[in-house]
Amino acid sequence: MNFQIKIFWRGVIIAAITTAIYILVLISNAFTKSLGFALILVPIGILIWWLVWTIMAIVKGMSALGRNEPAPS
């Protein structure tokens, strides 16, 4: 159960950080049109990294569950 709670809270933190970066990029886009467009790749990259990490953590947890082992930390 702690494993699932950890995954959830890490996801909430990553979502909050990514949202803040995205808002900063949108604000910077108002001042620098071309640089703001290039910076939009940063929050997208963070979200892709988070998605891959979450899927890997869920797969590790489910495989440990299938082997009747405790969830990895």
PDB file of N, CA and C in Angstrom:
ATOM      1  N   MET A   1       0.821  -1.195   0.000  1.00  0.00           N
ATOM      2  CA  MET A   1       0.000   0.000   0.000  1.00  0.00           C
ATOM      3  C   MET A   1       0.867   1.263   0.000  1.00  0.00           C
ATOM      4  N   ASN A   2       1.963   1.253   0.748  1.00  0.00           N
ATOM      5  CA  ASN A   2       2.844   2.415   0.763  1.00  0.00           C
ATOM      6  C   ASN A   2       3.433   2.684  -0.609  1.00  0.00           C
ATOM      7  N   PHE A   3       3.677   1.617  -1.358  1.00  0.00           N
ATOM      8  CA  PHE A   3       4.228   1.749  -2.699  1.00  0.00           C
ATOM      9  C   PHE A   3       3.274   2.548  -3.592  1.00  0.00           C
ATOM     10  N   GLN A   4       1.980   2.253  -3.518  1.00  0.00           N
ATOM     11  CA  GLN A   4       0.989   2.953  -4.321  1.00  0.00           C
ATOM     12  C   GLN A   4       0.850   4.410  -3.886  1.00  0.00           C
ATOM     13  N   ILE A   5       0.908   4.640  -2.589  1.00  0.00           N
ATOM     14  CA  ILE A   5       0.805   6.011  -2.084  1.00  0.00           C
ATOM     15  C   ILE A   5       2.003   6.832  -2.545  1.00  0.00           C
ATOM     16  N   LYS A   6       3.195   6.221  -2.529  1.00  0.00           N
ATOM     17  CA  LYS A   6       4.391   6.926  -2.992  1.00  0.00           C
ATOM     18  C   LYS A   6       4.285   7.302  -4.469  1.00  0.00           C
ATOM     19  N   ILE A   7       3.804   6.364  -5.275  1.00  0.00           N
ATOM     20  CA  ILE A   7       3.643   6.638  -6.708  1.00  0.00           C
ATOM     21  C   ILE A   7       2.645   7.788  -6.909  1.00  0.00           C
ATOM     22  N   PHE A   8       1.544   7.767  -6.163  1.00  0.00           N
ATOM     23  CA  PHE A   8       0.535   8.819  -6.288  1.00  0.00           C
ATOM     24  C   PHE A   8       1.120  10.186  -5.942  1.00  0.00           C
ATOM     25  N   TRP A   9       1.776  10.309  -4.787  1.00  0.00           N
ATOM     26  CA  TRP A   9       2.280  11.619  -4.367  1.00  0.00           C
ATOM     27  C   TRP A   9       3.407  12.116  -5.260  1.00  0.00           C
ATOM     28  N   ARG A  10       4.234  11.209  -5.754  1.00  0.00           N
ATOM     29  CA  ARG A  10       5.257  11.639  -6.722  1.00  0.00           C
ATOM     30  C   ARG A  10       4.595  12.171  -7.986  1.00  0.00           C
ATOM     31  N   GLY A  11       3.521  11.537  -8.406  1.00  0.00           N
ATOM     32  CA  GLY A  11       2.793  12.011  -9.580  1.00  0.00           C
ATOM     33  C   GLY A  11       2.188  13.382  -9.361  1.00  0.00           C
ATOM     34  N   VAL A  12       1.630  13.620  -8.174  1.00  0.00           N
ATOM     35  CA  VAL A  12       1.050  14.931  -7.859  1.00  0.00           C
ATOM     36  C   VAL A  12       2.135  16.003  -7.855  1.00  0.00           C
ATOM     37  N   ILE A  13       3.277  15.697  -7.273  1.00  0.00           N
ATOM     38  CA  ILE A  13       4.383  16.667  -7.223  1.00  0.00           C
ATOM     39  C   ILE A  13       4.902  16.970  -8.619  1.00  0.00           C
ATOM     40  N   ILE A  14       5.104  15.928  -9.433  1.00  0.00           N
ATOM     41  CA  ILE A  14       5.581  16.133 -10.803  1.00  0.00           C
ATOM     42  C   ILE A  14       4.560  16.937 -11.610  1.00  0.00           C
ATOM     43  N   ALA A  15       3.273  16.659 -11.430  1.00  0.00           N
ATOM     44  CA  ALA A  15       2.240  17.412 -12.145  1.00  0.00           C
ATOM     45  C   ALA A  15       2.250  18.880 -11.735  1.00  0.00           C
ATOM     46  N   ALA A  16       2.431  19.158 -10.447  1.00  0.00           N
ATOM     47  CA  ALA A  16       2.471  20.548  -9.976  1.00  0.00           C
ATOM     48  C   ALA A  16       3.693  21.282 -10.530  1.00  0.00           C
ATOM     49  N   ILE A  17       4.839  20.619 -10.495  1.00  0.00           N
ATOM     50  CA  ILE A  17       6.066  21.236 -11.020  1.00  0.00           C
ATOM     51  C   ILE A  17       5.942  21.484 -12.517  1.00  0.00           C
ATOM     52  N   THR A  18       5.420  20.497 -13.232  1.00  0.00           N
ATOM     53  CA  THR A  18       5.265  20.645 -14.681  1.00  0.00           C
ATOM     54  C   THR A  18       4.278  21.757 -15.020  1.00  0.00           C
ATOM     55  N   THR A  19       3.211  21.870 -14.267  1.00  0.00           N
ATOM     56  CA  THR A  19       2.241  22.945 -14.493  1.00  0.00           C
ATOM     57  C   THR A  19       2.875  24.300 -14.252  1.00  0.00           C
ATOM     58  N   ALA A  20       3.668  24.424 -13.193  1.00  0.00           N
ATOM     59  CA  ALA A  20       4.346  25.692 -12.917  1.00  0.00           C
ATOM     60  C   ALA A  20       5.323  26.046 -14.035  1.00  0.00           C
ATOM     61  N   ILE A  21       6.076  25.062 -14.508  1.00  0.00           N
ATOM     62  CA  ILE A  21       7.015  25.321 -15.614  1.00  0.00           C
ATOM     63  C   ILE A  21       6.251  25.707 -16.872  1.00  0.00           C
ATOM     64  N   TYR A  22       5.143  25.025 -17.136  1.00  0.00           N
ATOM     65  CA  TYR A  22       4.339  25.332 -18.312  1.00  0.00           C
ATOM     66  C   TYR A  22       3.808  26.765 -18.257  1.00  0.00           C
ATOM     67  N   ILE A  23       3.337  27.188 -17.093  1.00  0.00           N
ATOM     68  CA  ILE A  23       2.845  28.567 -16.944  1.00  0.00           C
ATOM     69  C   ILE A  23       3.967  29.564 -17.148  1.00  0.00           C
ATOM     70  N   LEU A  24       5.147  29.278 -16.596  1.00  0.00           N
ATOM     71  CA  LEU A  24       6.298  30.168 -16.810  1.00  0.00           C
ATOM     72  C   LEU A  24       6.680  30.251 -18.282  1.00  0.00           C
ATOM     73  N   VAL A  25       6.590  29.129 -18.979  1.00  0.00           N
ATOM     74  CA  VAL A  25       6.895  29.125 -20.413  1.00  0.00           C
ATOM     75  C   VAL A  25       5.869  29.959 -21.173  1.00  0.00           C
ATOM     76  N   LEU A  26       4.598  29.840 -20.812  1.00  0.00           N
ATOM     77  CA  LEU A  26       3.572  30.645 -21.477  1.00  0.00           C
ATOM     78  C   LEU A  26       3.787  32.134 -21.235  1.00  0.00           C
ATOM     79  N   ILE A  27       4.203  32.493 -20.026  1.00  0.00           N
ATOM     80  CA  ILE A  27       4.486  33.899 -19.727  1.00  0.00           C
ATOM     81  C   ILE A  27       5.696  34.370 -20.521  1.00  0.00           C
ATOM     82  N   SER A  28       6.737  33.523 -20.591  1.00  0.00           N
ATOM     83  CA  SER A  28       7.923  33.927 -21.348  1.00  0.00           C
ATOM     84  C   SER A  28       7.634  34.004 -22.836  1.00  0.00           C
ATOM     85  N   ASN A  29       6.659  33.239 -23.291  1.00  0.00           N
ATOM     86  CA  ASN A  29       6.290  33.286 -24.699  1.00  0.00           C
ATOM     87  C   ASN A  29       5.702  34.637 -25.075  1.00  0.00           C
ATOM     88  N   ALA A  30       5.110  35.330 -24.128  1.00  0.00           N
ATOM     89  CA  ALA A  30       4.565  36.655 -24.401  1.00  0.00           C
ATOM     90  C   ALA A  30       5.673  37.655 -24.706  1.00  0.00           C
ATOM     91  N   PHE A  31       6.851  37.432 -24.118  1.00  0.00           N
ATOM     92  CA  PHE A  31       7.965  38.366 -24.314  1.00  0.00           C
ATOM     93  C   PHE A  31       8.898  37.924 -25.435  1.00  0.00           C
ATOM     94  N   THR A  32       9.167  36.638 -25.539  1.00  0.00           N
ATOM     95  CA  THR A  32      10.055  36.114 -26.585  1.00  0.00           C
ATOM     96  C   THR A  32       9.295  35.034 -27.343  1.00  0.00           C
ATOM     97  N   LYS A  33       8.829  35.359 -28.509  1.00  0.00           N
ATOM     98  CA  LYS A  33       7.948  34.451 -29.228  1.00  0.00           C
ATOM     99  C   LYS A  33       8.621  33.142 -29.646  1.00  0.00           C
ATOM    100  N   SER A  34       9.805  33.178 -30.177  1.00  0.00           N
ATOM    101  CA  SER A  34      10.435  31.947 -30.658  1.00  0.00           C
ATOM    102  C   SER A  34      11.039  31.127 -29.510  1.00  0.00           C
ATOM    103  N   LEU A  35      11.585  31.778 -28.499  1.00  0.00           N
ATOM    104  CA  LEU A  35      12.188  31.047 -27.385  1.00  0.00           C
ATOM    105  C   LEU A  35      11.128  30.342 -26.561  1.00  0.00           C
ATOM    106  N   GLY A  36      10.000  30.963 -26.381  1.00  0.00           N
ATOM    107  CA  GLY A  36       8.915  30.341 -25.621  1.00  0.00           C
ATOM    108  C   GLY A  36       8.412  29.070 -26.273  1.00  0.00           C
ATOM    109  N   PHE A  37       8.388  29.053 -27.597  1.00  0.00           N
ATOM    110  CA  PHE A  37       7.956  27.851 -28.305  1.00  0.00           C
ATOM    111  C   PHE A  37       8.947  26.718 -28.104  1.00  0.00           C
ATOM    112  N   ALA A  38      10.237  27.026 -28.096  1.00  0.00           N
ATOM    113  CA  ALA A  38      11.257  25.989 -27.877  1.00  0.00           C
ATOM    114  C   ALA A  38      11.210  25.486 -26.442  1.00  0.00           C
ATOM    115  N   LEU A  39      10.904  26.357 -25.495  1.00  0.00           N
ATOM    116  CA  LEU A  39      10.870  25.965 -24.088  1.00  0.00           C
ATOM    117  C   LEU A  39       9.668  25.095 -23.747  1.00  0.00           C
ATOM    118  N   ILE A  40       8.667  25.058 -24.603  1.00  0.00           N
ATOM    119  CA  ILE A  40       7.492  24.227 -24.336  1.00  0.00           C
ATOM    120  C   ILE A  40       7.874  22.752 -24.324  1.00  0.00           C
ATOM    121  N   LEU A  41       9.009  22.421 -24.930  1.00  0.00           N
ATOM    122  CA  LEU A  41       9.463  21.031 -24.949  1.00  0.00           C
ATOM    123  C   LEU A  41       9.904  20.551 -23.571  1.00  0.00           C
ATOM    124  N   VAL A  42      10.285  21.460 -22.674  1.00  0.00           N
ATOM    125  CA  VAL A  42      10.733  21.080 -21.330  1.00  0.00           C
ATOM    126  C   VAL A  42       9.599  20.437 -20.532  1.00  0.00           C
ATOM    127  N   PRO A  43       8.440  21.085 -20.363  1.00  0.00           N
ATOM    128  CA  PRO A  43       7.386  20.404 -19.610  1.00  0.00           C
ATOM    129  C   PRO A  43       6.861  19.144 -20.302  1.00  0.00           C
ATOM    130  N   ILE A  44       6.870  19.134 -21.618  1.00  0.00           N
ATOM    131  CA  ILE A  44       6.437  17.931 -22.335  1.00  0.00           C
ATOM    132  C   ILE A  44       7.407  16.784 -22.060  1.00  0.00           C
ATOM    133  N   GLY A  45       8.699  17.086 -22.053  1.00  0.00           N
ATOM    134  CA  GLY A  45       9.704  16.070 -21.737  1.00  0.00           C
ATOM    135  C   GLY A  45       9.564  15.552 -20.321  1.00  0.00           C
ATOM    136  N   ILE A  46       9.279  16.442 -19.374  1.00  0.00           N
ATOM    137  CA  ILE A  46       9.084  16.023 -17.985  1.00  0.00           C
ATOM    138  C   ILE A  46       7.866  15.108 -17.873  1.00  0.00           C
ATOM    139  N   LEU A  47       6.784  15.446 -18.556  1.00  0.00           N
ATOM    140  CA  LEU A  47       5.580  14.604 -18.509  1.00  0.00           C
ATOM    141  C   LEU A  47       5.811  13.233 -19.134  1.00  0.00           C
ATOM    142  N   ILE A  48       6.572  13.184 -20.226  1.00  0.00           N
ATOM    143  CA  ILE A  48       6.884  11.895 -20.849  1.00  0.00           C
ATOM    144  C   ILE A  48       7.745  11.058 -19.906  1.00  0.00           C
ATOM    145  N   TRP A  49       8.748  11.695 -19.268  1.00  0.00           N
ATOM    146  CA  TRP A  49       9.587  10.985 -18.301  1.00  0.00           C
ATOM    147  C   TRP A  49       8.731  10.448 -17.161  1.00  0.00           C
ATOM    148  N   TRP A  50       7.810  11.258 -16.641  1.00  0.00           N
ATOM    149  CA  TRP A  50       6.941  10.839 -15.545  1.00  0.00           C
ATOM    150  C   TRP A  50       6.049   9.669 -15.966  1.00  0.00           C
ATOM    151  N   LEU A  51       5.519   9.723 -17.178  1.00  0.00           N
ATOM    152  CA  LEU A  51       4.673   8.651 -17.677  1.00  0.00           C
ATOM    153  C   LEU A  51       5.443   7.336 -17.757  1.00  0.00           C
ATOM    154  N   VAL A  52       6.641   7.377 -18.313  1.00  0.00           N
ATOM    155  CA  VAL A  52       7.464   6.165 -18.424  1.00  0.00           C
ATOM    156  C   VAL A  52       7.819   5.640 -17.035  1.00  0.00           C
ATOM    157  N   TRP A  53       8.219   6.524 -16.124  1.00  0.00           N
ATOM    158  CA  TRP A  53       8.583   6.108 -14.773  1.00  0.00           C
ATOM    159  C   TRP A  53       7.399   5.479 -14.053  1.00  0.00           C
ATOM    160  N   THR A  54       6.222   6.067 -14.191  1.00  0.00           N
ATOM    161  CA  THR A  54       5.033   5.537 -13.535  1.00  0.00           C
ATOM    162  C   THR A  54       4.666   4.165 -14.084  1.00  0.00           C
ATOM    163  N   ILE A  55       4.722   3.999 -15.387  1.00  0.00           N
ATOM    164  CA  ILE A  55       4.410   2.702 -15.988  1.00  0.00           C
ATOM    165  C   ILE A  55       5.408   1.654 -15.511  1.00  0.00           C
ATOM    166  N   MET A  56       6.698   2.010 -15.457  1.00  0.00           N
ATOM    167  CA  MET A  56       7.704   1.062 -14.981  1.00  0.00           C
ATOM    168  C   MET A  56       7.470   0.695 -13.518  1.00  0.00           C
ATOM    169  N   ALA A  57       7.102   1.657 -12.684  1.00  0.00           N
ATOM    170  CA  ALA A  57       6.856   1.383 -11.269  1.00  0.00           C
ATOM    171  C   ALA A  57       5.635   0.485 -11.099  1.00  0.00           C
ATOM    172  N   ILE A  58       4.603   0.723 -11.877  1.00  0.00           N
ATOM    173  CA  ILE A  58       3.405  -0.112 -11.785  1.00  0.00           C
ATOM    174  C   ILE A  58       3.710  -1.536 -12.234  1.00  0.00           C
ATOM    175  N   VAL A  59       4.479  -1.683 -13.309  1.00  0.00           N
ATOM    176  CA  VAL A  59       4.834  -3.019 -13.797  1.00  0.00           C
ATOM    177  C   VAL A  59       5.680  -3.755 -12.760  1.00  0.00           C
ATOM    178  N   LYS A  60       6.646  -3.053 -12.143  1.00  0.00           N
ATOM    179  CA  LYS A  60       7.457  -3.687 -11.106  1.00  0.00           C
ATOM    180  C   LYS A  60       6.599  -4.124  -9.926  1.00  0.00           C
ATOM    181  N   GLY A  61       5.670  -3.287  -9.515  1.00  0.00           N
ATOM    182  CA  GLY A  61       4.782  -3.630  -8.409  1.00  0.00           C
ATOM    183  C   GLY A  61       3.871  -4.794  -8.737  1.00  0.00           C
ATOM    184  N   MET A  62       3.331  -4.809  -9.949  1.00  0.00           N
ATOM    185  CA  MET A  62       2.434  -5.895 -10.344  1.00  0.00           C
ATOM    186  C   MET A  62       3.194  -7.213 -10.484  1.00  0.00           C
ATOM    187  N   SER A  63       4.428  -7.162 -10.996  1.00  0.00           N
ATOM    188  CA  SER A  63       5.198  -8.403 -11.117  1.00  0.00           C
ATOM    189  C   SER A  63       5.585  -8.926  -9.737  1.00  0.00           C
ATOM    190  N   ALA A  64       5.894  -8.033  -8.791  1.00  0.00           N
ATOM    191  CA  ALA A  64       6.181  -8.474  -7.424  1.00  0.00           C
ATOM    192  C   ALA A  64       4.921  -9.077  -6.794  1.00  0.00           C
ATOM    193  N   LEU A  65       3.777  -8.498  -7.087  1.00  0.00           N
ATOM    194  CA  LEU A  65       2.515  -9.032  -6.578  1.00  0.00           C
ATOM    195  C   LEU A  65       2.247 -10.428  -7.134  1.00  0.00           C
ATOM    196  N   GLY A  66       2.559 -10.626  -8.402  1.00  0.00           N
ATOM    197  CA  GLY A  66       2.369 -11.930  -9.033  1.00  0.00           C
ATOM    198  C   GLY A  66       3.279 -13.004  -8.445  1.00  0.00           C
ATOM    199  N   ARG A  67       4.447 -12.599  -7.945  1.00  0.00           N
ATOM    200  CA  ARG A  67       5.381 -13.550  -7.334  1.00  0.00           C
ATOM    201  C   ARG A  67       5.191 -13.648  -5.816  1.00  0.00           C
ATOM    202  N   ASN A  68       4.169 -12.993  -5.272  1.00  0.00           N
ATOM    203  CA  ASN A  68       3.892 -12.965  -3.839  1.00  0.00           C
ATOM    204  C   ASN A  68       5.058 -12.411  -3.024  1.00  0.00           C
ATOM    205  N   GLU A  69       5.716 -11.392  -3.572  1.00  0.00           N
ATOM    206  CA  GLU A  69       6.820 -10.717  -2.893  1.00  0.00           C
ATOM    207  C   GLU A  69       6.329  -9.346  -2.444  1.00  0.00           C
ATOM    208  N   PRO A  70       7.029  -8.725  -1.487  1.00  0.00           N
ATOM    209  CA  PRO A  70       6.659  -7.363  -1.109  1.00  0.00           C
ATOM    210  C   PRO A  70       6.979  -6.388  -2.248  1.00  0.00           C
ATOM    211  N   ALA A  71       6.250  -5.307  -2.288  1.00  0.00           N
ATOM    212  CA  ALA A  71       6.447  -4.304  -3.336  1.00  0.00           C
ATOM    213  C   ALA A  71       7.826  -3.665  -3.175  1.00  0.00           C
ATOM    214  N   PRO A  72       8.502  -3.389  -4.287  1.00  0.00           N
ATOM    215  CA  PRO A  72       9.814  -2.737  -4.204  1.00  0.00           C
ATOM    216  C   PRO A  72       9.683  -1.313  -3.658  1.00  0.00           C
ATOM    217  N   SER A  73      10.744  -0.851  -3.026  1.00  0.00           N
ATOM    218  CA  SER A  73      10.677   0.510  -2.465  1.00  0.00           C
ATOM    219  C   SER A  73      11.320   1.535  -3.341  1.00  0.00           C
TER     220      SER A  73
END
